[in-house]
Amino acid sequence: MKATEFDAKFDQEEDITEFLDLSQAKRPGHEQKRVNVDFPAWMIEALDYEAKRLGVTRQSIIKVWLAERLEKSAHRNIQYIDV
């Protein structure tokens, strides 16, 4: 398929995934990096309780909660910059 044909399909909002090799696809800025954090036992118990209640893993709940907090913080920082 020529690039012009591919572009036309994309512009017409057709499904182009069959023409892509997604095995090597990467999301810039989303590379994984391992960190170790020590938590007190009570915090681990609370995290495990919430994770079980929500049906997710401990790691997932930590990631989601941290992401939410960082987004709020970034949003507040942007508001101060705009003023």
PDB file of N, CA and C in Angstrom:
ATOM      1  N   MET A   1       0.846  -1.174   0.000  1.00  0.00           N
ATOM      2  CA  MET A   1       0.000   0.000   0.000  1.00  0.00           C
ATOM      3  C   MET A   1       0.895   1.242   0.000  1.00  0.00           C
ATOM      4  N   LYS A   2       0.535   2.178  -0.825  1.00  0.00           N
ATOM      5  CA  LYS A   2       1.289   3.423  -0.902  1.00  0.00           C
ATOM      6  C   LYS A   2       0.883   4.340   0.253  1.00  0.00           C
ATOM      7  N   ALA A   3       1.778   5.243   0.577  1.00  0.00           N
ATOM      8  CA  ALA A   3       1.539   6.169   1.682  1.00  0.00           C
ATOM      9  C   ALA A   3       0.294   7.012   1.440  1.00  0.00           C
ATOM     10  N   THR A   4       0.047   7.398   0.212  1.00  0.00           N
ATOM     11  CA  THR A   4      -1.136   8.217  -0.082  1.00  0.00           C
ATOM     12  C   THR A   4      -2.421   7.440   0.191  1.00  0.00           C
ATOM     13  N   GLU A   5      -2.416   6.140  -0.124  1.00  0.00           N
ATOM     14  CA  GLU A   5      -3.591   5.304   0.149  1.00  0.00           C
ATOM     15  C   GLU A   5      -3.796   5.160   1.658  1.00  0.00           C
ATOM     16  N   PHE A   6      -2.699   4.936   2.363  1.00  0.00           N
ATOM     17  CA  PHE A   6      -2.757   4.814   3.818  1.00  0.00           C
ATOM     18  C   PHE A   6      -3.295   6.101   4.435  1.00  0.00           C
ATOM     19  N   ASP A   7      -2.765   7.238   3.997  1.00  0.00           N
ATOM     20  CA  ASP A   7      -3.223   8.536   4.505  1.00  0.00           C
ATOM     21  C   ASP A   7      -4.703   8.755   4.230  1.00  0.00           C
ATOM     22  N   ALA A   8      -5.144   8.361   3.054  1.00  0.00           N
ATOM     23  CA  ALA A   8      -6.560   8.531   2.699  1.00  0.00           C
ATOM     24  C   ALA A   8      -7.443   7.698   3.622  1.00  0.00           C
ATOM     25  N   LYS A   9      -7.051   6.452   3.882  1.00  0.00           N
ATOM     26  CA  LYS A   9      -7.828   5.608   4.794  1.00  0.00           C
ATOM     27  C   LYS A   9      -7.879   6.234   6.182  1.00  0.00           C
ATOM     28  N   PHE A  10      -6.732   6.728   6.640  1.00  0.00           N
ATOM     29  CA  PHE A  10      -6.673   7.365   7.956  1.00  0.00           C
ATOM     30  C   PHE A  10      -7.577   8.588   8.001  1.00  0.00           C
ATOM     31  N   ASP A  11      -7.489   9.429   6.975  1.00  0.00           N
ATOM     32  CA  ASP A  11      -8.292  10.651   6.925  1.00  0.00           C
ATOM     33  C   ASP A  11      -9.788  10.350   6.878  1.00  0.00           C
ATOM     34  N   GLN A  12     -10.142   9.203   6.301  1.00  0.00           N
ATOM     35  CA  GLN A  12     -11.551   8.814   6.221  1.00  0.00           C
ATOM     36  C   GLN A  12     -11.995   8.049   7.469  1.00  0.00           C
ATOM     37  N   GLU A  13     -11.115   8.022   8.456  1.00  0.00           N
ATOM     38  CA  GLU A  13     -11.360   7.372   9.740  1.00  0.00           C
ATOM     39  C   GLU A  13     -11.677   5.893   9.593  1.00  0.00           C
ATOM     40  N   GLU A  14     -11.040   5.250   8.608  1.00  0.00           N
ATOM     41  CA  GLU A  14     -11.158   3.807   8.451  1.00  0.00           C
ATOM     42  C   GLU A  14     -10.197   3.132   9.415  1.00  0.00           C
ATOM     43  N   ASP A  15     -10.469   1.870   9.733  1.00  0.00           N
ATOM     44  CA  ASP A  15      -9.588   1.109  10.616  1.00  0.00           C
ATOM     45  C   ASP A  15      -8.317   0.752   9.854  1.00  0.00           C
ATOM     46  N   ILE A  16      -7.184   1.285  10.312  1.00  0.00           N
ATOM     47  CA  ILE A  16      -5.908   1.054   9.629  1.00  0.00           C
ATOM     48  C   ILE A  16      -4.996   0.110  10.404  1.00  0.00           C
ATOM     49  N   THR A  17      -5.488  -0.430  11.518  1.00  0.00           N
ATOM     50  CA  THR A  17      -4.627  -1.256  12.363  1.00  0.00           C
ATOM     51  C   THR A  17      -4.106  -2.494  11.653  1.00  0.00           C
ATOM     52  N   GLU A  18      -4.833  -3.024  10.682  1.00  0.00           N
ATOM     53  CA  GLU A  18      -4.344  -4.212   9.975  1.00  0.00           C
ATOM     54  C   GLU A  18      -3.092  -3.911   9.154  1.00  0.00           C
ATOM     55  N   PHE A  19      -2.831  -2.648   8.891  1.00  0.00           N
ATOM     56  CA  PHE A  19      -1.668  -2.254   8.107  1.00  0.00           C
ATOM     57  C   PHE A  19      -0.472  -1.854   8.974  1.00  0.00           C
ATOM     58  N   LEU A  20      -0.630  -1.930  10.292  1.00  0.00           N
ATOM     59  CA  LEU A  20       0.412  -1.505  11.212  1.00  0.00           C
ATOM     60  C   LEU A  20       1.062  -2.702  11.899  1.00  0.00           C
ATOM     61  N   ASP A  21       2.346  -2.584  12.186  1.00  0.00           N
ATOM     62  CA  ASP A  21       3.061  -3.576  12.987  1.00  0.00           C
ATOM     63  C   ASP A  21       3.142  -3.021  14.407  1.00  0.00           C
ATOM     64  N   LEU A  22       2.213  -3.453  15.261  1.00  0.00           N
ATOM     65  CA  LEU A  22       2.126  -2.916  16.613  1.00  0.00           C
ATOM     66  C   LEU A  22       3.042  -3.641  17.598  1.00  0.00           C
ATOM     67  N   SER A  23       3.764  -4.659  17.133  1.00  0.00           N
ATOM     68  CA  SER A  23       4.625  -5.420  18.036  1.00  0.00           C
ATOM     69  C   SER A  23       5.766  -4.574  18.596  1.00  0.00           C
ATOM     70  N   GLN A  24       6.157  -3.541  17.904  1.00  0.00           N
ATOM     71  CA  GLN A  24       7.248  -2.682  18.363  1.00  0.00           C
ATOM     72  C   GLN A  24       6.753  -1.296  18.792  1.00  0.00           C
ATOM     73  N   ALA A  25       5.449  -1.128  18.913  1.00  0.00           N
ATOM     74  CA  ALA A  25       4.882   0.175  19.261  1.00  0.00           C
ATOM     75  C   ALA A  25       5.258   0.551  20.693  1.00  0.00           C
ATOM     76  N   LYS A  26       5.554   1.820  20.905  1.00  0.00           N
ATOM     77  CA  LYS A  26       5.903   2.337  22.221  1.00  0.00           C
ATOM     78  C   LYS A  26       5.151   3.624  22.468  1.00  0.00           C
ATOM     79  N   ARG A  27       4.878   3.894  23.729  1.00  0.00           N
ATOM     80  CA  ARG A  27       4.217   5.133  24.110  1.00  0.00           C
ATOM     81  C   ARG A  27       5.252   6.031  24.762  1.00  0.00           C
ATOM     82  N   PRO A  28       5.716   7.057  24.092  1.00  0.00           N
ATOM     83  CA  PRO A  28       6.736   7.942  24.662  1.00  0.00           C
ATOM     84  C   PRO A  28       6.287   8.508  26.013  1.00  0.00           C
ATOM     85  N   GLY A  29       7.187   8.489  26.953  1.00  0.00           N
ATOM     86  CA  GLY A  29       6.878   8.999  28.284  1.00  0.00           C
ATOM     87  C   GLY A  29       6.203   7.973  29.178  1.00  0.00           C
ATOM     88  N   HIS A  30       5.928   6.780  28.661  1.00  0.00           N
ATOM     89  CA  HIS A  30       5.259   5.747  29.445  1.00  0.00           C
ATOM     90  C   HIS A  30       6.143   4.526  29.662  1.00  0.00           C
ATOM     91  N   GLU A  31       7.452   4.696  29.492  1.00  0.00           N
ATOM     92  CA  GLU A  31       8.355   3.593  29.728  1.00  0.00           C
ATOM     93  C   GLU A  31       8.304   3.236  31.218  1.00  0.00           C
ATOM     94  N   GLN A  32       8.434   1.967  31.513  1.00  0.00           N
ATOM     95  CA  GLN A  32       8.389   1.510  32.898  1.00  0.00           C
ATOM     96  C   GLN A  32       9.757   1.689  33.560  1.00  0.00           C
ATOM     97  N   LYS A  33       9.733   2.098  34.802  1.00  0.00           N
ATOM     98  CA  LYS A  33      10.950   2.217  35.594  1.00  0.00           C
ATOM     99  C   LYS A  33      10.619   1.719  36.999  1.00  0.00           C
ATOM    100  N   ARG A  34      11.398   0.785  37.476  1.00  0.00           N
ATOM    101  CA  ARG A  34      11.127   0.163  38.774  1.00  0.00           C
ATOM    102  C   ARG A  34      11.648   1.041  39.909  1.00  0.00           C
ATOM    103  N   VAL A  35      10.813   1.167  40.959  1.00  0.00           N
ATOM    104  CA  VAL A  35      11.215   1.856  42.183  1.00  0.00           C
ATOM    105  C   VAL A  35      10.817   0.989  43.372  1.00  0.00           C
ATOM    106  N   ASN A  36      11.526   1.134  44.456  1.00  0.00           N
ATOM    107  CA  ASN A  36      11.196   0.432  45.696  1.00  0.00           C
ATOM    108  C   ASN A  36      10.769   1.457  46.731  1.00  0.00           C
ATOM    109  N   VAL A  37       9.661   1.185  47.382  1.00  0.00           N
ATOM    110  CA  VAL A  37       9.143   2.086  48.405  1.00  0.00           C
ATOM    111  C   VAL A  37       8.792   1.239  49.625  1.00  0.00           C
ATOM    112  N   ASP A  38       9.212   1.675  50.781  1.00  0.00           N
ATOM    113  CA  ASP A  38       8.856   0.985  52.020  1.00  0.00           C
ATOM    114  C   ASP A  38       7.644   1.673  52.639  1.00  0.00           C
ATOM    115  N   PHE A  39       6.616   0.880  52.942  1.00  0.00           N
ATOM    116  CA  PHE A  39       5.402   1.385  53.577  1.00  0.00           C
ATOM    117  C   PHE A  39       5.249   0.741  54.948  1.00  0.00           C
ATOM    118  N   PRO A  40       4.649   1.454  55.892  1.00  0.00           N
ATOM    119  CA  PRO A  40       4.341   0.819  57.173  1.00  0.00           C
ATOM    120  C   PRO A  40       3.286  -0.281  56.977  1.00  0.00           C
ATOM    121  N   ALA A  41       3.279  -1.254  57.878  1.00  0.00           N
ATOM    122  CA  ALA A  41       2.371  -2.400  57.750  1.00  0.00           C
ATOM    123  C   ALA A  41       0.909  -1.977  57.662  1.00  0.00           C
ATOM    124  N   TRP A  42       0.502  -0.983  58.462  1.00  0.00           N
ATOM    125  CA  TRP A  42      -0.896  -0.562  58.444  1.00  0.00           C
ATOM    126  C   TRP A  42      -1.294  -0.036  57.068  1.00  0.00           C
ATOM    127  N   MET A  43      -0.346   0.626  56.375  1.00  0.00           N
ATOM    128  CA  MET A  43      -0.627   1.173  55.065  1.00  0.00           C
ATOM    129  C   MET A  43      -0.799   0.050  54.031  1.00  0.00           C
ATOM    130  N   ILE A  44       0.033  -0.972  54.123  1.00  0.00           N
ATOM    131  CA  ILE A  44      -0.080  -2.124  53.224  1.00  0.00           C
ATOM    132  C   ILE A  44      -1.425  -2.803  53.437  1.00  0.00           C
ATOM    133  N   GLU A  45      -1.823  -2.972  54.696  1.00  0.00           N
ATOM    134  CA  GLU A  45      -3.114  -3.593  54.993  1.00  0.00           C
ATOM    135  C   GLU A  45      -4.260  -2.772  54.418  1.00  0.00           C
ATOM    136  N   ALA A  46      -4.187  -1.460  54.562  1.00  0.00           N
ATOM    137  CA  ALA A  46      -5.232  -0.590  54.020  1.00  0.00           C
ATOM    138  C   ALA A  46      -5.249  -0.641  52.489  1.00  0.00           C
ATOM    139  N   LEU A  47      -4.066  -0.646  51.880  1.00  0.00           N
ATOM    140  CA  LEU A  47      -3.980  -0.746  50.420  1.00  0.00           C
ATOM    141  C   LEU A  47      -4.564  -2.068  49.935  1.00  0.00           C
ATOM    142  N   ASP A  48      -4.220  -3.154  50.621  1.00  0.00           N
ATOM    143  CA  ASP A  48      -4.732  -4.469  50.230  1.00  0.00           C
ATOM    144  C   ASP A  48      -6.252  -4.539  50.381  1.00  0.00           C
ATOM    145  N   TYR A  49      -6.781  -3.945  51.439  1.00  0.00           N
ATOM    146  CA  TYR A  49      -8.229  -3.922  51.639  1.00  0.00           C
ATOM    147  C   TYR A  49      -8.917  -3.187  50.487  1.00  0.00           C
ATOM    148  N   GLU A  50      -8.406  -1.995  50.169  1.00  0.00           N
ATOM    149  CA  GLU A  50      -9.005  -1.204  49.086  1.00  0.00           C
ATOM    150  C   GLU A  50      -8.850  -1.891  47.739  1.00  0.00           C
ATOM    151  N   ALA A  51      -7.689  -2.481  47.496  1.00  0.00           N
ATOM    152  CA  ALA A  51      -7.453  -3.176  46.236  1.00  0.00           C
ATOM    153  C   ALA A  51      -8.429  -4.338  46.078  1.00  0.00           C
ATOM    154  N   LYS A  52      -8.617  -5.113  47.152  1.00  0.00           N
ATOM    155  CA  LYS A  52      -9.548  -6.240  47.103  1.00  0.00           C
ATOM    156  C   LYS A  52     -10.973  -5.748  46.885  1.00  0.00           C
ATOM    157  N   ARG A  53     -11.330  -4.681  47.577  1.00  0.00           N
ATOM    158  CA  ARG A  53     -12.681  -4.118  47.450  1.00  0.00           C
ATOM    159  C   ARG A  53     -12.967  -3.673  46.010  1.00  0.00           C
ATOM    160  N   LEU A  54     -11.942  -3.111  45.369  1.00  0.00           N
ATOM    161  CA  LEU A  54     -12.097  -2.626  43.992  1.00  0.00           C
ATOM    162  C   LEU A  54     -11.804  -3.698  42.947  1.00  0.00           C
ATOM    163  N   GLY A  55     -11.264  -4.836  43.374  1.00  0.00           N
ATOM    164  CA  GLY A  55     -10.963  -5.918  42.446  1.00  0.00           C
ATOM    165  C   GLY A  55      -9.746  -5.654  41.578  1.00  0.00           C
ATOM    166  N   VAL A  56      -8.760  -4.980  42.155  1.00  0.00           N
ATOM    167  CA  VAL A  56      -7.519  -4.688  41.430  1.00  0.00           C
ATOM    168  C   VAL A  56      -6.333  -5.117  42.288  1.00  0.00           C
ATOM    169  N   THR A  57      -5.147  -5.039  41.724  1.00  0.00           N
ATOM    170  CA  THR A  57      -3.953  -5.387  42.487  1.00  0.00           C
ATOM    171  C   THR A  57      -3.488  -4.200  43.322  1.00  0.00           C
ATOM    172  N   ARG A  58      -2.647  -4.502  44.301  1.00  0.00           N
ATOM    173  CA  ARG A  58      -2.065  -3.444  45.123  1.00  0.00           C
ATOM    174  C   ARG A  58      -1.293  -2.461  44.253  1.00  0.00           C
ATOM    175  N   GLN A  59      -0.510  -2.989  43.327  1.00  0.00           N
ATOM    176  CA  GLN A  59       0.283  -2.132  42.449  1.00  0.00           C
ATOM    177  C   GLN A  59      -0.620  -1.211  41.623  1.00  0.00           C
ATOM    178  N   SER A  60      -1.720  -1.750  41.141  1.00  0.00           N
ATOM    179  CA  SER A  60      -2.643  -0.935  40.333  1.00  0.00           C
ATOM    180  C   SER A  60      -3.228   0.212  41.125  1.00  0.00           C
ATOM    181  N   ILE A  61      -3.649  -0.068  42.344  1.00  0.00           N
ATOM    182  CA  ILE A  61      -4.260   1.000  43.140  1.00  0.00           C
ATOM    183  C   ILE A  61      -3.238   2.072  43.491  1.00  0.00           C
ATOM    184  N   ILE A  62      -2.003   1.662  43.768  1.00  0.00           N
ATOM    185  CA  ILE A  62      -0.947   2.643  44.054  1.00  0.00           C
ATOM    186  C   ILE A  62      -0.710   3.520  42.829  1.00  0.00           C
ATOM    187  N   LYS A  63      -0.612   2.911  41.662  1.00  0.00           N
ATOM    188  CA  LYS A  63      -0.385   3.684  40.427  1.00  0.00           C
ATOM    189  C   LYS A  63      -1.523   4.656  40.154  1.00  0.00           C
ATOM    190  N   VAL A  64      -2.757   4.182  40.297  1.00  0.00           N
ATOM    191  CA  VAL A  64      -3.912   5.043  40.017  1.00  0.00           C
ATOM    192  C   VAL A  64      -3.955   6.209  40.993  1.00  0.00           C
ATOM    193  N   TRP A  65      -3.791   5.929  42.281  1.00  0.00           N
ATOM    194  CA  TRP A  65      -3.853   6.992  43.276  1.00  0.00           C
ATOM    195  C   TRP A  65      -2.733   7.994  43.098  1.00  0.00           C
ATOM    196  N   LEU A  66      -1.536   7.524  42.803  1.00  0.00           N
ATOM    197  CA  LEU A  66      -0.430   8.453  42.569  1.00  0.00           C
ATOM    198  C   LEU A  66      -0.674   9.301  41.322  1.00  0.00           C
ATOM    199  N   ALA A  67      -1.166   8.668  40.264  1.00  0.00           N
ATOM    200  CA  ALA A  67      -1.451   9.412  39.029  1.00  0.00           C
ATOM    201  C   ALA A  67      -2.499  10.486  39.276  1.00  0.00           C
ATOM    202  N   GLU A  68      -3.558  10.141  40.024  1.00  0.00           N
ATOM    203  CA  GLU A  68      -4.595  11.133  40.332  1.00  0.00           C
ATOM    204  C   GLU A  68      -4.012  12.311  41.099  1.00  0.00           C
ATOM    205  N   ARG A  69      -3.193  12.020  42.078  1.00  0.00           N
ATOM    206  CA  ARG A  69      -2.599  13.083  42.890  1.00  0.00           C
ATOM    207  C   ARG A  69      -1.667  13.967  42.065  1.00  0.00           C
ATOM    208  N   LEU A  70      -0.867  13.334  41.205  1.00  0.00           N
ATOM    209  CA  LEU A  70       0.060  14.097  40.370  1.00  0.00           C
ATOM    210  C   LEU A  70      -0.689  14.963  39.354  1.00  0.00           C
ATOM    211  N   GLU A  71      -1.791  14.450  38.819  1.00  0.00           N
ATOM    212  CA  GLU A  71      -2.593  15.248  37.889  1.00  0.00           C
ATOM    213  C   GLU A  71      -3.196  16.459  38.585  1.00  0.00           C
ATOM    214  N   LYS A  72      -3.699  16.258  39.809  1.00  0.00           N
ATOM    215  CA  LYS A  72      -4.237  17.387  40.572  1.00  0.00           C
ATOM    216  C   LYS A  72      -3.158  18.419  40.843  1.00  0.00           C
ATOM    217  N   SER A  73      -1.990  17.949  41.220  1.00  0.00           N
ATOM    218  CA  SER A  73      -0.879  18.843  41.516  1.00  0.00           C
ATOM    219  C   SER A  73      -0.460  19.615  40.271  1.00  0.00           C
ATOM    220  N   ALA A  74      -0.371  18.923  39.144  1.00  0.00           N
ATOM    221  CA  ALA A  74       0.003  19.584  37.887  1.00  0.00           C
ATOM    222  C   ALA A  74      -1.053  20.605  37.495  1.00  0.00           C
ATOM    223  N   HIS A  75      -2.317  20.268  37.703  1.00  0.00           N
ATOM    224  CA  HIS A  75      -3.406  21.193  37.360  1.00  0.00           C
ATOM    225  C   HIS A  75      -3.316  22.459  38.211  1.00  0.00           C
ATOM    226  N   ARG A  76      -3.029  22.299  39.511  1.00  0.00           N
ATOM    227  CA  ARG A  76      -2.881  23.460  40.388  1.00  0.00           C
ATOM    228  C   ARG A  76      -1.698  24.318  39.964  1.00  0.00           C
ATOM    229  N   ASN A  77      -0.598  23.684  39.595  1.00  0.00           N
ATOM    230  CA  ASN A  77       0.594  24.426  39.174  1.00  0.00           C
ATOM    231  C   ASN A  77       0.329  25.209  37.900  1.00  0.00           C
ATOM    232  N   ILE A  78      -0.429  24.649  36.981  1.00  0.00           N
ATOM    233  CA  ILE A  78      -0.762  25.338  35.733  1.00  0.00           C
ATOM    234  C   ILE A  78      -1.634  26.558  36.031  1.00  0.00           C
ATOM    235  N   GLN A  79      -2.584  26.429  36.972  1.00  0.00           N
ATOM    236  CA  GLN A  79      -3.442  27.566  37.313  1.00  0.00           C
ATOM    237  C   GLN A  79      -2.608  28.721  37.843  1.00  0.00           C
ATOM    238  N   TYR A  80      -1.608  28.438  38.662  1.00  0.00           N
ATOM    239  CA  TYR A  80      -0.777  29.492  39.220  1.00  0.00           C
ATOM    240  C   TYR A  80       0.078  30.155  38.152  1.00  0.00           C
ATOM    241  N   ILE A  81       0.518  29.389  37.191  1.00  0.00           N
ATOM    242  CA  ILE A  81       1.348  29.924  36.119  1.00  0.00           C
ATOM    243  C   ILE A  81       0.541  30.845  35.225  1.00  0.00           C
ATOM    244  N   ASP A  82      -0.724  30.484  34.959  1.00  0.00           N
ATOM    245  CA  ASP A  82      -1.579  31.270  34.077  1.00  0.00           C
ATOM    246  C   ASP A  82      -1.974  32.610  34.678  1.00  0.00           C
ATOM    247  N   VAL A  83      -1.945  32.729  36.002  1.00  0.00           N
ATOM    248  CA  VAL A  83      -2.397  33.964  36.651  1.00  0.00           C
ATOM    249  C   VAL A  83      -1.398  35.064  36.471  1.00  0.00           C
TER     250      VAL A  83
END
